[in-house]
Amino acid sequence: VRSHIKKIYEKLHVHSQTEAVSKAINERLI
């Protein structure tokens, strides 16, 4: 599971859960 999350982070170019969440929210709003 962790490796799967890490791949998602790499795909989104983020390094933390906070960044990933904020980026996901921003992309949904746009």
N, C-alpha and C. Protein backbone atom coordinates (compact mmCIF):
# COMPACT_ATOMS: atom_id res chain seq x y z
N VAL A 1 0.84 -1.20 0.00
CA VAL A 1 0.00 0.00 0.00
C VAL A 1 0.87 1.24 0.00
N ARG A 2 1.91 1.23 0.80
CA ARG A 2 2.79 2.41 0.87
C ARG A 2 3.44 2.70 -0.47
N SER A 3 3.88 1.65 -1.15
CA SER A 3 4.51 1.86 -2.46
C SER A 3 3.51 2.42 -3.46
N HIS A 4 2.24 2.01 -3.33
CA HIS A 4 1.19 2.52 -4.21
C HIS A 4 0.99 4.01 -3.97
N ILE A 5 0.97 4.40 -2.69
CA ILE A 5 0.82 5.81 -2.34
C ILE A 5 2.03 6.60 -2.83
N LYS A 6 3.19 6.01 -2.70
CA LYS A 6 4.42 6.69 -3.14
C LYS A 6 4.38 6.94 -4.64
N LYS A 7 3.86 5.98 -5.40
CA LYS A 7 3.74 6.16 -6.85
C LYS A 7 2.78 7.29 -7.17
N ILE A 8 1.70 7.38 -6.40
CA ILE A 8 0.74 8.46 -6.61
C ILE A 8 1.41 9.80 -6.33
N TYR A 9 2.18 9.87 -5.24
CA TYR A 9 2.91 11.09 -4.90
C TYR A 9 3.85 11.48 -6.04
N GLU A 10 4.57 10.50 -6.57
CA GLU A 10 5.50 10.78 -7.66
C GLU A 10 4.77 11.26 -8.90
N LYS A 11 3.59 10.68 -9.13
CA LYS A 11 2.79 11.07 -10.29
C LYS A 11 2.30 12.51 -10.15
N LEU A 12 1.96 12.88 -8.92
CA LEU A 12 1.47 14.23 -8.65
C LEU A 12 2.61 15.21 -8.38
N HIS A 13 3.83 14.67 -8.28
CA HIS A 13 5.01 15.49 -7.98
C HIS A 13 4.88 16.16 -6.62
N VAL A 14 4.42 15.40 -5.64
CA VAL A 14 4.36 15.90 -4.27
C VAL A 14 5.15 14.95 -3.37
N HIS A 15 5.49 15.41 -2.18
CA HIS A 15 6.33 14.62 -1.29
C HIS A 15 5.70 14.38 0.07
N SER A 16 4.51 14.91 0.27
CA SER A 16 3.85 14.71 1.55
C SER A 16 2.35 14.56 1.36
N GLN A 17 1.71 13.99 2.35
CA GLN A 17 0.26 13.78 2.25
C GLN A 17 -0.45 15.12 2.19
N THR A 18 0.05 16.10 2.93
CA THR A 18 -0.59 17.42 2.94
C THR A 18 -0.56 18.03 1.55
N GLU A 19 0.60 17.94 0.89
CA GLU A 19 0.71 18.47 -0.47
C GLU A 19 -0.22 17.73 -1.42
N ALA A 20 -0.27 16.42 -1.29
CA ALA A 20 -1.10 15.60 -2.17
C ALA A 20 -2.56 15.97 -2.01
N VAL A 21 -3.00 16.12 -0.76
CA VAL A 21 -4.41 16.46 -0.50
C VAL A 21 -4.73 17.85 -1.03
N SER A 22 -3.88 18.82 -0.74
CA SER A 22 -4.15 20.19 -1.20
C SER A 22 -4.15 20.26 -2.72
N LYS A 23 -3.26 19.53 -3.37
CA LYS A 23 -3.21 19.52 -4.82
C LYS A 23 -4.45 18.87 -5.41
N ALA A 24 -4.89 17.78 -4.78
CA ALA A 24 -6.10 17.10 -5.25
C ALA A 24 -7.30 18.02 -5.14
N ILE A 25 -7.39 18.75 -4.04
CA ILE A 25 -8.50 19.69 -3.85
C ILE A 25 -8.44 20.79 -4.91
N ASN A 26 -7.25 21.31 -5.15
CA ASN A 26 -7.10 22.38 -6.14
C ASN A 26 -7.48 21.90 -7.53
N GLU A 27 -7.09 20.70 -7.89
CA GLU A 27 -7.39 20.18 -9.22
C GLU A 27 -8.88 19.91 -9.39
N ARG A 28 -9.56 19.55 -8.30
CA ARG A 28 -11.00 19.32 -8.38
C ARG A 28 -11.75 20.63 -8.55
N LEU A 29 -11.22 21.68 -7.94
CA LEU A 29 -11.90 22.98 -8.02
C LEU A 29 -11.76 23.59 -9.40
N ILE A 30 -10.64 23.30 -10.06
CA ILE A 30 -10.40 23.90 -11.38
C ILE A 30 -11.24 23.20 -12.43
